[in-house]
Protein backbone atom coordinates (compact mmCIF):
# COMPACT_ATOMS: atom_id res chain seq x y z
CA MET A 1 -36.98 40.14 37.56
CA LYS A 2 -34.12 40.52 40.19
CA THR A 3 -36.53 40.04 43.22
CA ILE A 4 -38.31 37.06 41.09
CA LEU A 5 -35.06 35.23 40.51
CA GLY A 6 -34.07 36.03 44.11
CA VAL A 7 -37.61 34.32 45.47
CA PHE A 8 -37.16 31.77 43.20
CA PHE A 9 -33.43 30.79 44.52
CA LEU A 10 -34.92 31.29 48.01
CA SER A 11 -37.74 29.20 47.65
CA VAL A 12 -35.63 26.15 46.23
CA ALA A 13 -32.85 26.62 49.00
CA LEU A 14 -35.62 26.21 51.56
CA SER A 15 -37.25 23.48 49.86
CA VAL A 16 -34.11 21.44 49.46
CA ASN A 17 -33.10 22.33 53.09
CA ALA A 18 -36.93 20.89 54.15
CA GLN A 19 -35.76 17.79 52.36
CA GLN A 20 -33.06 16.98 54.57
CA ARG A 21 -33.87 14.59 57.38
CA ILE A 22 -31.32 14.22 60.06
CA GLY A 23 -31.21 11.75 62.40
CA HIS A 24 -28.85 10.72 65.47
CA VAL A 25 -27.83 7.88 67.40
CA ASN A 26 -25.49 7.11 70.61
CA SER A 27 -22.76 4.75 69.40
CA ALA A 28 -21.16 4.00 72.67
CA GLN A 29 -24.91 3.02 74.04
CA LEU A 30 -25.27 0.53 71.16
CA LEU A 31 -22.05 -1.04 71.73
CA ASP A 32 -22.25 -1.30 74.92
CA THR A 33 -25.57 -3.29 74.99
CA LEU A 34 -23.88 -6.01 72.47
CA THR A 35 -22.63 -8.99 74.12
CA SER A 36 -20.43 -9.81 71.04
CA TYR A 37 -18.66 -6.07 71.42
CA LYS A 38 -17.90 -7.13 75.51
CA GLU A 39 -16.44 -10.59 74.17
CA ALA A 40 -14.44 -9.22 71.60
CA GLY A 41 -13.04 -6.46 74.08
CA LYS A 42 -12.26 -9.45 76.82
CA LYS A 43 -10.61 -11.15 73.52
CA LEU A 44 -8.72 -8.36 73.02
CA ASP A 45 -7.58 -7.58 76.34
CA GLN A 46 -6.55 -11.13 76.49
CA LYS A 47 -4.15 -10.88 73.67
CA LYS A 48 -3.21 -7.66 75.15
CA SER A 49 -1.94 -9.12 78.14
CA GLU A 50 -0.62 -11.94 76.66
CA GLU A 51 1.59 -9.74 74.41
CA ILE A 52 2.55 -7.58 77.55
CA ALA A 53 3.56 -10.84 79.42
CA LYS A 54 5.82 -12.01 76.45
CA PHE A 55 7.90 -8.68 76.31
CA GLN A 56 7.96 -8.46 80.13
CA THR A 57 9.76 -12.13 79.54
CA LEU A 58 12.11 -11.01 77.22
CA GLU A 59 12.55 -7.84 78.87
CA LYS A 60 13.60 -9.79 82.05
CA ALA A 61 15.76 -12.87 80.03
CA PHE A 62 17.64 -9.46 78.34
CA GLN A 63 18.62 -7.83 81.78
CA ALA A 64 19.37 -11.17 83.34
CA GLU A 65 21.77 -11.72 80.31
CA TYR A 66 23.49 -8.23 80.72
CA ASN A 67 23.54 -8.27 84.67
CA LYS A 68 25.38 -11.75 84.51
CA LEU A 69 27.67 -9.93 81.82
CA MET A 70 28.51 -7.06 83.52
CA GLU A 71 29.55 -9.31 86.65
CA GLU A 72 31.51 -11.83 84.49
CA ALA A 73 33.22 -8.88 82.11
CA PRO A 74 36.25 -8.49 84.20
CA GLU A 75 37.34 -11.86 84.29
CA MET A 76 36.54 -12.87 80.64
CA PRO A 77 39.09 -12.75 77.84
CA LYS A 78 38.40 -10.13 75.16
CA LEU A 79 37.14 -12.07 72.39
CA MET A 80 34.53 -13.97 74.68
CA LEU A 81 33.58 -10.54 76.22
CA GLU A 82 33.12 -9.44 72.19
CA GLN A 83 30.98 -12.60 71.53
CA GLU A 84 28.72 -12.21 74.44
CA GLN A 85 28.02 -8.59 73.72
CA GLN A 86 27.48 -9.29 70.31
CA LYS A 87 24.61 -11.76 71.42
CA LEU A 88 23.16 -9.18 73.94
CA MET A 89 23.12 -6.83 71.25
CA LEU A 90 20.96 -8.96 69.24
CA LYS A 91 18.55 -9.71 71.93
CA GLN A 92 18.26 -5.72 72.45
CA GLN A 93 17.51 -5.75 68.76
CA GLU A 94 14.93 -8.49 69.30
CA LEU A 95 13.32 -6.73 72.24
CA GLU A 96 13.27 -2.94 70.31
CA ASN A 97 11.80 -4.75 67.29
CA PHE A 98 8.99 -6.43 69.56
CA GLU A 99 7.13 -3.48 70.31
CA PRO A 100 6.34 -2.68 66.77
CA GLU A 101 5.30 -6.07 66.13
CA MET A 102 3.18 -6.11 69.13
CA THR A 103 1.33 -3.19 67.99
CA ARG A 104 0.77 -4.81 64.86
CA LYS A 105 -0.41 -7.59 65.92
CA LEU A 106 -2.75 -5.83 68.30
CA GLN A 107 -4.22 -3.99 65.66
CA MET A 108 -4.69 -6.91 63.60
CA TYR A 109 -6.72 -8.43 66.54
CA GLN A 110 -8.73 -5.27 66.97
CA LYS A 111 -9.58 -5.32 62.79
CA GLN A 112 -10.48 -9.12 63.29
CA TYR A 113 -12.73 -8.86 66.57
CA MET A 114 -14.39 -5.01 65.92
CA GLU A 115 -15.01 -5.11 62.35
CA PRO A 116 -17.80 -7.48 62.04
CA ILE A 117 -19.34 -5.40 64.76
CA LEU A 118 -18.99 -2.36 63.62
CA GLU A 119 -20.38 -3.61 60.09
CA ARG A 120 -23.44 -4.79 61.58
CA THR A 121 -23.78 -1.39 63.63
CA GLN A 122 -23.80 0.53 60.02
CA LYS A 123 -25.95 -2.14 58.52
CA ALA A 124 -28.55 -1.58 61.16
CA ILE A 125 -27.81 2.47 61.03
CA ALA A 126 -28.89 2.18 57.10
CA ILE A 127 -31.88 -0.16 57.61
CA VAL A 128 -33.25 2.51 60.19
CA ALA A 129 -32.19 5.76 58.06
CA GLU A 130 -34.08 4.01 54.97
CA ARG A 131 -37.17 3.09 57.08
CA LYS A 132 -37.42 6.82 58.57
CA LYS A 133 -36.27 8.50 55.02
CA LEU A 134 -33.69 10.07 56.64
CA ASN A 135 -30.38 11.36 54.81
CA TYR A 136 -28.09 11.77 57.26
CA ILE A 137 -27.48 10.16 60.87
CA PHE A 138 -24.77 11.27 63.11
CA ASP A 139 -23.13 9.88 65.83
CA GLU A 140 -23.76 12.09 69.15
CA THR A 141 -20.66 11.11 71.23
CA VAL A 142 -18.36 12.48 68.42
CA SER A 143 -20.47 15.56 67.96
CA LEU A 144 -19.71 18.85 69.44
CA TYR A 145 -23.07 20.13 69.42
CA PHE A 146 -26.33 18.93 68.33
CA LYS A 147 -29.99 20.23 68.49
CA GLY A 148 -33.13 18.86 66.85
CA GLY A 149 -33.16 16.16 64.28
CA ILE A 150 -34.26 12.45 65.30
CA ASP A 151 -33.01 10.13 67.68
CA CYS A 152 -32.94 6.79 66.16
CA THR A 153 -30.86 4.97 69.16
CA ALA A 154 -33.49 2.79 70.02
CA GLU A 155 -34.50 1.54 66.61
CA VAL A 156 -30.82 1.31 65.72
CA MET A 157 -30.38 -0.88 68.65
CA THR A 158 -33.43 -3.04 67.87
CA GLU A 159 -32.08 -3.94 64.29
CA LEU A 160 -28.18 -4.16 65.65
CA LEU A 161 -29.42 -7.10 68.52
CA LYS A 162 -31.60 -8.96 65.66
CA LEU A 163 -28.28 -8.73 63.43
CA ASP A 164 -25.80 -9.49 66.09
CA ALA A 165 -28.06 -12.38 67.60
CA GLU A 166 -28.05 -13.51 63.61
CA ALA A 167 -24.25 -13.40 63.53
CA MET A 168 -23.55 -15.04 67.00
CA LYS A 169 -25.75 -17.91 65.94
CA ASN A 170 -23.94 -18.32 62.76
CA LYS A 171 -20.72 -18.40 64.28
């Protein structure tokens, strides 16, 4: 009886395992072919450059005021010196608060520019998975090791280019 149950469970396990169809894609290759991804990267780089320029302007202004205060401090009345130090401390606080705000803005821009592209990518992968009756599609670029499976990169790329062209036309 035990052998019959063992054979039964082994056959069920093998049939379940045989039904699992696995595919893989190279997401870096997919994204690198998209014009919209390249444009989004350029926009993101531009926003990053703008934010860095703002930060550098604030930093230079702070440094100039600090240097000016250090030169004039010995000749200033104590009350005026304290007022100028308070102003400088407020500028320093503004400078310190700018960096987290800049990071938050850049994350918001990244989400705004990249999320639609990633959604289209996910949709293209789902279309190919349905067509090929795949249970899983893994990304080669984040896998430590993979062997076998069906390479779906070309088919997903075709679907993704269609979806991307449609989205760019509707833009």
